[in-house]
Amino acid sequence: MHREPSEGAKVQENLRNEDSPDRLLTASEVADLFRVSSKTVGRWGRSGALPLYRTIGGHHRYRLCDVRAFPDL
């Protein structure tokens, strides 16, 4: 029986394929990696625990190198 990979596994595979440390991730992508909600990731960003970057449109983004350095990963 063939099983589809989980969302977290898909995100991790994409991160291996695009290893630019300056790559920006969405809150959903970070949430899938840590298996938490995107709201939790937003709280981490607003509290300063995980460096947060905002796009011109006001969306939150997180650098791959910052996410990899985060203690829980």
PDB file of N, CA and C in Angstrom:
ATOM      1  N   MET A   1       0.835  -1.176   0.000  1.00  0.00           N
ATOM      2  CA  MET A   1       0.000   0.000   0.000  1.00  0.00           C
ATOM      3  C   MET A   1       0.886   1.249   0.000  1.00  0.00           C
ATOM      4  N   HIS A   2       0.612   2.169  -0.878  1.00  0.00           N
ATOM      5  CA  HIS A   2       1.392   3.399  -1.027  1.00  0.00           C
ATOM      6  C   HIS A   2       0.800   4.487  -0.144  1.00  0.00           C
ATOM      7  N   ARG A   3       1.661   5.108   0.694  1.00  0.00           N
ATOM      8  CA  ARG A   3       1.235   6.211   1.553  1.00  0.00           C
ATOM      9  C   ARG A   3       1.802   7.517   1.048  1.00  0.00           C
ATOM     10  N   GLU A   4       0.970   8.530   1.052  1.00  0.00           N
ATOM     11  CA  GLU A   4       1.427   9.864   0.681  1.00  0.00           C
ATOM     12  C   GLU A   4       2.269  10.438   1.820  1.00  0.00           C
ATOM     13  N   PRO A   5       3.351  11.134   1.495  1.00  0.00           N
ATOM     14  CA  PRO A   5       4.152  11.759   2.561  1.00  0.00           C
ATOM     15  C   PRO A   5       3.355  12.858   3.255  1.00  0.00           C
ATOM     16  N   SER A   6       3.658  13.061   4.541  1.00  0.00           N
ATOM     17  CA  SER A   6       2.974  14.106   5.309  1.00  0.00           C
ATOM     18  C   SER A   6       3.401  15.480   4.794  1.00  0.00           C
ATOM     19  N   GLU A   7       2.645  16.509   5.190  1.00  0.00           N
ATOM     20  CA  GLU A   7       2.984  17.877   4.782  1.00  0.00           C
ATOM     21  C   GLU A   7       4.368  18.260   5.289  1.00  0.00           C
ATOM     22  N   GLY A   8       4.684  17.892   6.529  1.00  0.00           N
ATOM     23  CA  GLY A   8       6.000  18.206   7.087  1.00  0.00           C
ATOM     24  C   GLY A   8       7.117  17.559   6.286  1.00  0.00           C
ATOM     25  N   ALA A   9       6.909  16.309   5.853  1.00  0.00           N
ATOM     26  CA  ALA A   9       7.911  15.613   5.051  1.00  0.00           C
ATOM     27  C   ALA A   9       8.076  16.297   3.690  1.00  0.00           C
ATOM     28  N   LYS A  10       6.970  16.757   3.123  1.00  0.00           N
ATOM     29  CA  LYS A  10       7.043  17.463   1.831  1.00  0.00           C
ATOM     30  C   LYS A  10       7.841  18.757   1.968  1.00  0.00           C
ATOM     31  N   VAL A  11       7.592  19.500   3.050  1.00  0.00           N
ATOM     32  CA  VAL A  11       8.306  20.761   3.273  1.00  0.00           C
ATOM     33  C   VAL A  11       9.787  20.487   3.477  1.00  0.00           C
ATOM     34  N   GLN A  12      10.122  19.458   4.272  1.00  0.00           N
ATOM     35  CA  GLN A  12      11.526  19.127   4.504  1.00  0.00           C
ATOM     36  C   GLN A  12      12.216  18.732   3.204  1.00  0.00           C
ATOM     37  N   GLU A  13      11.528  17.994   2.337  1.00  0.00           N
ATOM     38  CA  GLU A  13      12.101  17.618   1.048  1.00  0.00           C
ATOM     39  C   GLU A  13      12.345  18.855   0.191  1.00  0.00           C
ATOM     40  N   ASN A  14      11.398  19.798   0.208  1.00  0.00           N
ATOM     41  CA  ASN A  14      11.575  21.040  -0.548  1.00  0.00           C
ATOM     42  C   ASN A  14      12.752  21.841  -0.008  1.00  0.00           C
ATOM     43  N   LEU A  15      12.941  21.834   1.298  1.00  0.00           N
ATOM     44  CA  LEU A  15      14.046  22.575   1.893  1.00  0.00           C
ATOM     45  C   LEU A  15      15.380  21.966   1.489  1.00  0.00           C
ATOM     46  N   ARG A  16      15.438  20.656   1.386  1.00  0.00           N
ATOM     47  CA  ARG A  16      16.682  20.013   0.939  1.00  0.00           C
ATOM     48  C   ARG A  16      16.973  20.351  -0.521  1.00  0.00           C
ATOM     49  N   ASN A  17      15.918  20.482  -1.326  1.00  0.00           N
ATOM     50  CA  ASN A  17      16.097  20.771  -2.744  1.00  0.00           C
ATOM     51  C   ASN A  17      16.478  22.226  -2.986  1.00  0.00           C
ATOM     52  N   GLU A  18      16.087  23.115  -2.114  1.00  0.00           N
ATOM     53  CA  GLU A  18      16.380  24.550  -2.265  1.00  0.00           C
ATOM     54  C   GLU A  18      17.082  25.022  -1.001  1.00  0.00           C
ATOM     55  N   ASP A  19      18.368  24.783  -0.902  1.00  0.00           N
ATOM     56  CA  ASP A  19      19.098  25.024   0.336  1.00  0.00           C
ATOM     57  C   ASP A  19      19.669  26.430   0.483  1.00  0.00           C
ATOM     58  N   SER A  20      19.186  27.401  -0.240  1.00  0.00           N
ATOM     59  CA  SER A  20      19.674  28.763  -0.066  1.00  0.00           C
ATOM     60  C   SER A  20      19.332  29.234   1.342  1.00  0.00           C
ATOM     61  N   PRO A  21      20.327  29.611   2.153  1.00  0.00           N
ATOM     62  CA  PRO A  21      20.052  30.017   3.534  1.00  0.00           C
ATOM     63  C   PRO A  21      19.201  31.273   3.637  1.00  0.00           C
ATOM     64  N   ASP A  22      19.163  32.072   2.583  1.00  0.00           N
ATOM     65  CA  ASP A  22      18.364  33.293   2.601  1.00  0.00           C
ATOM     66  C   ASP A  22      16.940  33.064   2.091  1.00  0.00           C
ATOM     67  N   ARG A  23      16.606  31.827   1.770  1.00  0.00           N
ATOM     68  CA  ARG A  23      15.264  31.515   1.290  1.00  0.00           C
ATOM     69  C   ARG A  23      14.254  31.867   2.374  1.00  0.00           C
ATOM     70  N   LEU A  24      13.155  32.486   1.975  1.00  0.00           N
ATOM     71  CA  LEU A  24      12.117  32.876   2.925  1.00  0.00           C
ATOM     72  C   LEU A  24      11.008  31.832   2.937  1.00  0.00           C
ATOM     73  N   LEU A  25      10.566  31.489   4.142  1.00  0.00           N
ATOM     74  CA  LEU A  25       9.508  30.506   4.334  1.00  0.00           C
ATOM     75  C   LEU A  25       8.262  31.193   4.880  1.00  0.00           C
ATOM     76  N   THR A  26       7.112  30.652   4.548  1.00  0.00           N
ATOM     77  CA  THR A  26       5.871  31.163   5.110  1.00  0.00           C
ATOM     78  C   THR A  26       5.680  30.574   6.503  1.00  0.00           C
ATOM     79  N   ALA A  27       4.761  31.152   7.254  1.00  0.00           N
ATOM     80  CA  ALA A  27       4.457  30.632   8.589  1.00  0.00           C
ATOM     81  C   ALA A  27       3.932  29.202   8.492  1.00  0.00           C
ATOM     82  N   SER A  28       3.185  28.892   7.458  1.00  0.00           N
ATOM     83  CA  SER A  28       2.659  27.534   7.287  1.00  0.00           C
ATOM     84  C   SER A  28       3.779  26.521   7.060  1.00  0.00           C
ATOM     85  N   GLU A  29       4.779  26.901   6.268  1.00  0.00           N
ATOM     86  CA  GLU A  29       5.907  25.997   6.031  1.00  0.00           C
ATOM     87  C   GLU A  29       6.688  25.751   7.316  1.00  0.00           C
ATOM     88  N   VAL A  30       6.912  26.801   8.085  1.00  0.00           N
ATOM     89  CA  VAL A  30       7.619  26.654   9.367  1.00  0.00           C
ATOM     90  C   VAL A  30       6.772  25.818  10.326  1.00  0.00           C
ATOM     91  N   ALA A  31       5.467  26.062  10.351  1.00  0.00           N
ATOM     92  CA  ALA A  31       4.569  25.311  11.228  1.00  0.00           C
ATOM     93  C   ALA A  31       4.602  23.822  10.901  1.00  0.00           C
ATOM     94  N   ASP A  32       4.635  23.472   9.631  1.00  0.00           N
ATOM     95  CA  ASP A  32       4.705  22.059   9.233  1.00  0.00           C
ATOM     96  C   ASP A  32       5.994  21.415   9.722  1.00  0.00           C
ATOM     97  N   LEU A  33       7.086  22.152   9.681  1.00  0.00           N
ATOM     98  CA  LEU A  33       8.367  21.605  10.143  1.00  0.00           C
ATOM     99  C   LEU A  33       8.354  21.313  11.639  1.00  0.00           C
ATOM    100  N   PHE A  34       7.760  22.222  12.419  1.00  0.00           N
ATOM    101  CA  PHE A  34       7.750  22.083  13.867  1.00  0.00           C
ATOM    102  C   PHE A  34       6.520  21.355  14.389  1.00  0.00           C
ATOM    103  N   ARG A  35       5.588  21.063  13.479  1.00  0.00           N
ATOM    104  CA  ARG A  35       4.325  20.411  13.846  1.00  0.00           C
ATOM    105  C   ARG A  35       3.551  21.226  14.882  1.00  0.00           C
ATOM    106  N   VAL A  36       3.444  22.517  14.598  1.00  0.00           N
ATOM    107  CA  VAL A  36       2.657  23.440  15.420  1.00  0.00           C
ATOM    108  C   VAL A  36       1.749  24.215  14.474  1.00  0.00           C
ATOM    109  N   SER A  37       0.898  25.060  15.016  1.00  0.00           N
ATOM    110  CA  SER A  37       0.029  25.867  14.165  1.00  0.00           C
ATOM    111  C   SER A  37       0.790  27.080  13.637  1.00  0.00           C
ATOM    112  N   SER A  38       0.285  27.646  12.556  1.00  0.00           N
ATOM    113  CA  SER A  38       0.927  28.844  11.999  1.00  0.00           C
ATOM    114  C   SER A  38       0.761  30.030  12.949  1.00  0.00           C
ATOM    115  N   LYS A  39      -0.286  30.022  13.771  1.00  0.00           N
ATOM    116  CA  LYS A  39      -0.448  31.076  14.776  1.00  0.00           C
ATOM    117  C   LYS A  39       0.674  31.027  15.803  1.00  0.00           C
ATOM    118  N   THR A  40       1.106  29.823  16.172  1.00  0.00           N
ATOM    119  CA  THR A  40       2.220  29.671  17.105  1.00  0.00           C
ATOM    120  C   THR A  40       3.495  30.237  16.499  1.00  0.00           C
ATOM    121  N   VAL A  41       3.721  29.957  15.232  1.00  0.00           N
ATOM    122  CA  VAL A  41       4.899  30.494  14.548  1.00  0.00           C
ATOM    123  C   VAL A  41       4.829  32.016  14.531  1.00  0.00           C
ATOM    124  N   GLY A  42       3.664  32.571  14.291  1.00  0.00           N
ATOM    125  CA  GLY A  42       3.494  34.024  14.318  1.00  0.00           C
ATOM    126  C   GLY A  42       3.817  34.608  15.683  1.00  0.00           C
ATOM    127  N   ARG A  43       3.420  33.909  16.741  1.00  0.00           N
ATOM    128  CA  ARG A  43       3.740  34.371  18.099  1.00  0.00           C
ATOM    129  C   ARG A  43       5.243  34.352  18.326  1.00  0.00           C
ATOM    130  N   TRP A  44       5.906  33.294  17.856  1.00  0.00           N
ATOM    131  CA  TRP A  44       7.370  33.225  17.991  1.00  0.00           C
ATOM    132  C   TRP A  44       8.010  34.416  17.293  1.00  0.00           C
ATOM    133  N   GLY A  45       7.502  34.745  16.105  1.00  0.00           N
ATOM    134  CA  GLY A  45       8.047  35.864  15.351  1.00  0.00           C
ATOM    135  C   GLY A  45       7.820  37.199  16.043  1.00  0.00           C
ATOM    136  N   ARG A  46       6.601  37.432  16.509  1.00  0.00           N
ATOM    137  CA  ARG A  46       6.292  38.705  17.168  1.00  0.00           C
ATOM    138  C   ARG A  46       7.025  38.861  18.491  1.00  0.00           C
ATOM    139  N   SER A  47       7.306  37.731  19.182  1.00  0.00           N
ATOM    140  CA  SER A  47       8.009  37.813  20.468  1.00  0.00           C
ATOM    141  C   SER A  47       9.515  37.982  20.290  1.00  0.00           C
ATOM    142  N   GLY A  48      10.006  37.736  19.065  1.00  0.00           N
ATOM    143  CA  GLY A  48      11.432  37.849  18.806  1.00  0.00           C
ATOM    144  C   GLY A  48      12.188  36.539  18.943  1.00  0.00           C
ATOM    145  N   ALA A  49      11.507  35.474  19.325  1.00  0.00           N
ATOM    146  CA  ALA A  49      12.165  34.171  19.471  1.00  0.00           C
ATOM    147  C   ALA A  49      12.655  33.646  18.118  1.00  0.00           C
ATOM    148  N   LEU A  50      11.916  33.939  17.071  1.00  0.00           N
ATOM    149  CA  LEU A  50      12.278  33.552  15.703  1.00  0.00           C
ATOM    150  C   LEU A  50      12.245  34.828  14.870  1.00  0.00           C
ATOM    151  N   PRO A  51      13.389  35.236  14.303  1.00  0.00           N
ATOM    152  CA  PRO A  51      13.405  36.490  13.533  1.00  0.00           C
ATOM    153  C   PRO A  51      12.336  36.509  12.440  1.00  0.00           C
ATOM    154  N   LEU A  52      11.640  37.609  12.386  1.00  0.00           N
ATOM    155  CA  LEU A  52      10.491  37.783  11.500  1.00  0.00           C
ATOM    156  C   LEU A  52      10.802  38.858  10.466  1.00  0.00           C
ATOM    157  N   TYR A  53      10.448  38.604   9.240  1.00  0.00           N
ATOM    158  CA  TYR A  53      10.598  39.572   8.152  1.00  0.00           C
ATOM    159  C   TYR A  53       9.219  39.785   7.553  1.00  0.00           C
ATOM    160  N   ARG A  54       8.960  40.995   7.146  1.00  0.00           N
ATOM    161  CA  ARG A  54       7.669  41.306   6.531  1.00  0.00           C
ATOM    162  C   ARG A  54       7.873  41.657   5.059  1.00  0.00           C
ATOM    163  N   THR A  55       6.974  41.153   4.236  1.00  0.00           N
ATOM    164  CA  THR A  55       7.012  41.494   2.824  1.00  0.00           C
ATOM    165  C   THR A  55       6.418  42.882   2.647  1.00  0.00           C
ATOM    166  N   ILE A  56       6.536  43.419   1.462  1.00  0.00           N
ATOM    167  CA  ILE A  56       5.953  44.731   1.175  1.00  0.00           C
ATOM    168  C   ILE A  56       4.449  44.701   1.418  1.00  0.00           C
ATOM    169  N   GLY A  57       3.839  43.560   1.176  1.00  0.00           N
ATOM    170  CA  GLY A  57       2.395  43.411   1.396  1.00  0.00           C
ATOM    171  C   GLY A  57       2.014  43.149   2.839  1.00  0.00           C
ATOM    172  N   GLY A  58       3.001  43.083   3.753  1.00  0.00           N
ATOM    173  CA  GLY A  58       2.716  42.912   5.162  1.00  0.00           C
ATOM    174  C   GLY A  58       2.671  41.468   5.647  1.00  0.00           C
ATOM    175  N   HIS A  59       3.030  40.513   4.782  1.00  0.00           N
ATOM    176  CA  HIS A  59       3.024  39.108   5.173  1.00  0.00           C
ATOM    177  C   HIS A  59       4.299  38.760   5.941  1.00  0.00           C
ATOM    178  N   HIS A  60       4.175  37.837   6.875  1.00  0.00           N
ATOM    179  CA  HIS A  60       5.332  37.401   7.662  1.00  0.00           C
ATOM    180  C   HIS A  60       6.103  36.332   6.907  1.00  0.00           C
ATOM    181  N   ARG A  61       7.429  36.430   6.949  1.00  0.00           N
ATOM    182  CA  ARG A  61       8.302  35.424   6.351  1.00  0.00           C
ATOM    183  C   ARG A  61       9.448  35.154   7.315  1.00  0.00           C
ATOM    184  N   TYR A  62      10.026  33.966   7.207  1.00  0.00           N
ATOM    185  CA  TYR A  62      11.094  33.519   8.101  1.00  0.00           C
ATOM    186  C   TYR A  62      12.225  32.968   7.247  1.00  0.00           C
ATOM    187  N   ARG A  63      13.470  33.399   7.524  1.00  0.00           N
ATOM    188  CA  ARG A  63      14.615  32.921   6.751  1.00  0.00           C
ATOM    189  C   ARG A  63      14.942  31.485   7.132  1.00  0.00           C
ATOM    190  N   LEU A  64      15.304  30.701   6.133  1.00  0.00           N
ATOM    191  CA  LEU A  64      15.621  29.293   6.335  1.00  0.00           C
ATOM    192  C   LEU A  64      16.740  29.112   7.356  1.00  0.00           C
ATOM    193  N   CYS A  65      17.779  29.935   7.291  1.00  0.00           N
ATOM    194  CA  CYS A  65      18.905  29.786   8.230  1.00  0.00           C
ATOM    195  C   CYS A  65      18.453  30.074   9.662  1.00  0.00           C
ATOM    196  N   ASP A  66      17.504  31.000   9.864  1.00  0.00           N
ATOM    197  CA  ASP A  66      16.989  31.283  11.199  1.00  0.00           C
ATOM    198  C   ASP A  66      16.148  30.111  11.713  1.00  0.00           C
ATOM    199  N   VAL A  67      15.379  29.526  10.824  1.00  0.00           N
ATOM    200  CA  VAL A  67      14.531  28.388  11.199  1.00  0.00           C
ATOM    201  C   VAL A  67      15.411  27.195  11.586  1.00  0.00           C
ATOM    202  N   ARG A  68      16.454  26.951  10.821  1.00  0.00           N
ATOM    203  CA  ARG A  68      17.358  25.830  11.128  1.00  0.00           C
ATOM    204  C   ARG A  68      18.073  26.048  12.458  1.00  0.00           C
ATOM    205  N   ALA A  69      18.337  27.293  12.824  1.00  0.00           N
ATOM    206  CA  ALA A  69      19.028  27.598  14.072  1.00  0.00           C
ATOM    207  C   ALA A  69      18.092  27.606  15.277  1.00  0.00           C
ATOM    208  N   PHE A  70      16.795  27.577  15.027  1.00  0.00           N
ATOM    209  CA  PHE A  70      15.809  27.594  16.115  1.00  0.00           C
ATOM    210  C   PHE A  70      15.969  26.330  16.949  1.00  0.00           C
ATOM    211  N   PRO A  71      15.953  26.425  18.269  1.00  0.00           N
ATOM    212  CA  PRO A  71      16.294  25.302  19.154  1.00  0.00           C
ATOM    213  C   PRO A  71      15.471  24.033  18.971  1.00  0.00           C
ATOM    214  N   ASP A  72      14.209  24.130  18.569  1.00  0.00           N
ATOM    215  CA  ASP A  72      13.362  22.947  18.518  1.00  0.00           C
ATOM    216  C   ASP A  72      13.563  22.071  17.280  1.00  0.00           C
ATOM    217  N   LEU A  73      14.269  22.567  16.270  1.00  0.00           N
ATOM    218  CA  LEU A  73      14.410  21.786  15.032  1.00  0.00           C
ATOM    219  C   LEU A  73      15.662  20.973  15.033  1.00  0.00           C
TER     220      LEU A  73
END
